[in-house]
Amino acid sequence: MTHTIDNRQNTQDEYITIIARTVADAMRQFKAKGLDELGFAIVGPVSKHQFALADESDTTTDMFDGNPMIAATFRRSTN
């Protein structure tokens, strides 16, 4: 998943979150995708999350069968 946000300083930062079963798997994908070479750096802790998909209704759908997954978010500044 990739998204861009305005951090209120007239810069655009790009974020990529890798979801994996283990920290090692997430970091392996970081290297495999060459994100380090593209200037991405890890932000925040790498930790387990449960994911739910929200839509326009009042219900959510558990993702990954409700199993916790590792989420690692990386950022690069594009200013």
N, C-alpha and C. Protein backbone atom coordinates (compact mmCIF):
# COMPACT_ATOMS: atom_id res chain seq x y z
N MET A 1 0.85 -1.15 0.00
CA MET A 1 0.00 0.00 0.00
C MET A 1 0.90 1.22 0.00
N THR A 2 0.63 2.18 -0.86
CA THR A 2 1.40 3.41 -0.93
C THR A 2 0.44 4.59 -0.91
N HIS A 3 0.77 5.60 -0.15
CA HIS A 3 -0.02 6.82 -0.16
C HIS A 3 0.89 8.01 0.08
N THR A 4 0.42 9.19 -0.33
CA THR A 4 1.18 10.42 -0.17
C THR A 4 0.39 11.36 0.72
N ILE A 5 1.09 12.04 1.64
CA ILE A 5 0.42 12.98 2.52
C ILE A 5 1.13 14.33 2.48
N ASP A 6 0.40 15.37 2.81
CA ASP A 6 0.98 16.70 2.94
C ASP A 6 1.28 16.90 4.42
N ASN A 7 2.54 17.10 4.77
CA ASN A 7 2.88 17.26 6.18
C ASN A 7 2.88 18.72 6.61
N ARG A 8 2.17 19.58 5.90
CA ARG A 8 1.97 20.99 6.22
C ARG A 8 3.24 21.83 6.13
N GLN A 9 4.25 21.34 5.46
CA GLN A 9 5.47 22.12 5.26
C GLN A 9 5.78 22.22 3.77
N ASN A 10 4.76 22.13 2.95
CA ASN A 10 4.90 22.19 1.51
C ASN A 10 5.80 21.10 0.95
N THR A 11 5.85 19.97 1.59
CA THR A 11 6.57 18.82 1.07
C THR A 11 5.61 17.66 0.96
N GLN A 12 5.93 16.78 0.09
CA GLN A 12 5.15 15.55 -0.07
C GLN A 12 6.03 14.39 0.34
N ASP A 13 5.58 13.60 1.28
CA ASP A 13 6.30 12.41 1.69
C ASP A 13 5.54 11.20 1.18
N GLU A 14 6.27 10.19 0.78
CA GLU A 14 5.66 8.94 0.32
C GLU A 14 5.83 7.90 1.41
N TYR A 15 4.79 7.10 1.61
CA TYR A 15 4.81 6.04 2.60
C TYR A 15 4.48 4.71 1.95
N ILE A 16 5.18 3.69 2.36
CA ILE A 16 4.89 2.32 1.93
C ILE A 16 4.82 1.47 3.18
N THR A 17 3.73 0.72 3.34
CA THR A 17 3.61 -0.21 4.45
C THR A 17 3.66 -1.62 3.90
N ILE A 18 4.57 -2.41 4.46
CA ILE A 18 4.68 -3.81 4.08
C ILE A 18 4.05 -4.63 5.20
N ILE A 19 3.13 -5.49 4.84
CA ILE A 19 2.46 -6.37 5.79
C ILE A 19 2.99 -7.78 5.55
N ALA A 20 3.45 -8.41 6.62
CA ALA A 20 4.07 -9.73 6.49
C ALA A 20 3.79 -10.56 7.74
N ARG A 21 4.12 -11.84 7.67
CA ARG A 21 3.93 -12.72 8.83
C ARG A 21 5.01 -12.52 9.89
N THR A 22 6.23 -12.14 9.47
CA THR A 22 7.32 -11.94 10.41
C THR A 22 8.07 -10.66 10.06
N VAL A 23 8.83 -10.16 11.04
CA VAL A 23 9.67 -8.99 10.80
C VAL A 23 10.69 -9.30 9.72
N ALA A 24 11.26 -10.50 9.78
CA ALA A 24 12.26 -10.90 8.77
C ALA A 24 11.67 -10.87 7.37
N ASP A 25 10.43 -11.33 7.21
CA ASP A 25 9.77 -11.30 5.90
C ASP A 25 9.57 -9.87 5.42
N ALA A 26 9.16 -8.99 6.31
CA ALA A 26 8.94 -7.58 5.94
C ALA A 26 10.25 -6.93 5.50
N MET A 27 11.32 -7.18 6.26
CA MET A 27 12.60 -6.57 5.92
C MET A 27 13.18 -7.17 4.64
N ARG A 28 12.94 -8.44 4.41
CA ARG A 28 13.39 -9.08 3.17
C ARG A 28 12.71 -8.42 1.97
N GLN A 29 11.42 -8.11 2.09
CA GLN A 29 10.70 -7.45 1.00
C GLN A 29 11.21 -6.01 0.81
N PHE A 30 11.52 -5.33 1.91
CA PHE A 30 12.09 -3.98 1.83
C PHE A 30 13.34 -3.99 0.96
N LYS A 31 14.22 -4.95 1.22
CA LYS A 31 15.45 -5.06 0.43
C LYS A 31 15.16 -5.52 -1.01
N ALA A 32 14.28 -6.51 -1.16
CA ALA A 32 13.97 -7.06 -2.48
C ALA A 32 13.38 -6.00 -3.41
N LYS A 33 12.59 -5.09 -2.85
CA LYS A 33 11.99 -4.03 -3.66
C LYS A 33 12.94 -2.85 -3.88
N GLY A 34 14.11 -2.91 -3.24
CA GLY A 34 15.09 -1.84 -3.40
C GLY A 34 14.66 -0.53 -2.75
N LEU A 35 13.81 -0.62 -1.73
CA LEU A 35 13.31 0.60 -1.11
C LEU A 35 14.42 1.41 -0.44
N ASP A 36 15.44 0.73 0.07
CA ASP A 36 16.57 1.45 0.65
C ASP A 36 17.27 2.29 -0.41
N GLU A 37 17.46 1.74 -1.59
CA GLU A 37 18.11 2.45 -2.68
C GLU A 37 17.25 3.60 -3.21
N LEU A 38 15.94 3.50 -3.00
CA LEU A 38 15.02 4.56 -3.43
C LEU A 38 14.88 5.65 -2.38
N GLY A 39 15.58 5.51 -1.25
CA GLY A 39 15.56 6.54 -0.23
C GLY A 39 14.54 6.36 0.87
N PHE A 40 13.92 5.20 0.96
CA PHE A 40 12.95 4.96 2.01
C PHE A 40 13.66 4.57 3.30
N ALA A 41 13.12 5.01 4.42
CA ALA A 41 13.63 4.65 5.75
C ALA A 41 12.45 4.26 6.63
N ILE A 42 12.70 3.38 7.57
CA ILE A 42 11.62 2.91 8.44
C ILE A 42 11.19 4.03 9.39
N VAL A 43 9.89 4.09 9.65
CA VAL A 43 9.34 5.05 10.60
C VAL A 43 8.52 4.28 11.64
N GLY A 44 8.65 4.67 12.87
CA GLY A 44 7.87 4.04 13.92
C GLY A 44 8.28 2.61 14.18
N PRO A 45 7.63 2.00 15.16
CA PRO A 45 7.97 0.61 15.49
C PRO A 45 7.39 -0.36 14.47
N VAL A 46 8.03 -1.49 14.32
CA VAL A 46 7.51 -2.61 13.54
C VAL A 46 6.81 -3.50 14.53
N SER A 47 5.51 -3.68 14.37
CA SER A 47 4.78 -4.44 15.38
C SER A 47 3.58 -5.15 14.76
N LYS A 48 2.98 -6.01 15.58
CA LYS A 48 1.81 -6.76 15.12
C LYS A 48 0.57 -5.87 15.14
N HIS A 49 -0.24 -6.04 14.11
CA HIS A 49 -1.50 -5.32 13.97
C HIS A 49 -2.57 -6.31 13.54
N GLN A 50 -3.79 -6.02 13.90
CA GLN A 50 -4.92 -6.72 13.29
C GLN A 50 -5.52 -5.74 12.30
N PHE A 51 -5.92 -6.24 11.13
CA PHE A 51 -6.41 -5.39 10.06
C PHE A 51 -7.88 -5.67 9.79
N ALA A 52 -8.61 -4.60 9.54
CA ALA A 52 -10.01 -4.70 9.15
C ALA A 52 -10.24 -3.75 7.98
N LEU A 53 -11.02 -4.17 7.02
CA LEU A 53 -11.34 -3.35 5.86
C LEU A 53 -12.69 -2.67 6.08
N ALA A 54 -12.69 -1.35 6.03
CA ALA A 54 -13.92 -0.58 6.22
C ALA A 54 -14.44 -0.13 4.86
N ASP A 55 -15.74 -0.08 4.76
CA ASP A 55 -16.35 0.47 3.55
C ASP A 55 -17.45 1.44 3.96
N GLU A 56 -18.33 1.76 3.04
CA GLU A 56 -19.35 2.78 3.32
C GLU A 56 -20.44 2.29 4.29
N SER A 57 -20.49 1.02 4.57
CA SER A 57 -21.46 0.51 5.53
C SER A 57 -20.90 0.64 6.95
N ASP A 58 -21.68 0.23 7.92
CA ASP A 58 -21.23 0.31 9.31
C ASP A 58 -20.48 -0.95 9.76
N THR A 59 -20.14 -1.80 8.82
CA THR A 59 -19.46 -3.04 9.18
C THR A 59 -18.03 -3.03 8.62
N THR A 60 -17.20 -3.87 9.21
CA THR A 60 -15.85 -4.06 8.69
C THR A 60 -15.63 -5.55 8.45
N THR A 61 -14.66 -5.84 7.62
CA THR A 61 -14.29 -7.22 7.32
C THR A 61 -12.89 -7.46 7.83
N ASP A 62 -12.74 -8.48 8.67
CA ASP A 62 -11.41 -8.83 9.15
C ASP A 62 -10.55 -9.30 7.98
N MET A 63 -9.34 -8.81 7.93
CA MET A 63 -8.40 -9.23 6.91
C MET A 63 -7.46 -10.28 7.49
N PHE A 64 -6.90 -11.09 6.64
CA PHE A 64 -5.96 -12.15 7.05
C PHE A 64 -6.60 -13.09 8.07
N ASP A 65 -7.90 -13.35 7.89
CA ASP A 65 -8.67 -14.23 8.79
C ASP A 65 -8.59 -13.79 10.24
N GLY A 66 -8.38 -12.50 10.48
CA GLY A 66 -8.32 -11.97 11.84
C GLY A 66 -6.99 -12.20 12.54
N ASN A 67 -6.05 -12.84 11.84
CA ASN A 67 -4.73 -13.11 12.43
C ASN A 67 -3.89 -11.83 12.45
N PRO A 68 -3.18 -11.58 13.55
CA PRO A 68 -2.28 -10.43 13.58
C PRO A 68 -1.15 -10.61 12.58
N MET A 69 -0.76 -9.51 11.96
CA MET A 69 0.34 -9.51 11.00
C MET A 69 1.31 -8.39 11.39
N ILE A 70 2.54 -8.52 10.95
CA ILE A 70 3.55 -7.48 11.17
C ILE A 70 3.31 -6.38 10.14
N ALA A 71 3.35 -5.13 10.61
CA ALA A 71 3.25 -3.98 9.71
C ALA A 71 4.51 -3.13 9.88
N ALA A 72 5.20 -2.89 8.78
CA ALA A 72 6.40 -2.07 8.78
C ALA A 72 6.18 -0.94 7.78
N THR A 73 6.25 0.30 8.26
CA THR A 73 6.00 1.46 7.40
C THR A 73 7.32 2.19 7.13
N PHE A 74 7.49 2.55 5.87
CA PHE A 74 8.70 3.23 5.40
C PHE A 74 8.30 4.53 4.74
N ARG A 75 9.17 5.56 4.87
CA ARG A 75 8.88 6.89 4.33
C ARG A 75 10.08 7.41 3.56
N ARG A 76 9.76 8.17 2.52
CA ARG A 76 10.81 8.93 1.85
C ARG A 76 10.28 10.33 1.59
N SER A 77 11.14 11.29 1.81
CA SER A 77 10.80 12.69 1.60
C SER A 77 11.04 13.02 0.13
N THR A 78 10.11 13.72 -0.47
CA THR A 78 10.24 14.05 -1.88
C THR A 78 10.41 15.56 -2.08
N ASN A 79 10.84 16.26 -1.03
CA ASN A 79 11.01 17.72 -1.18
C ASN A 79 12.33 18.06 -1.81
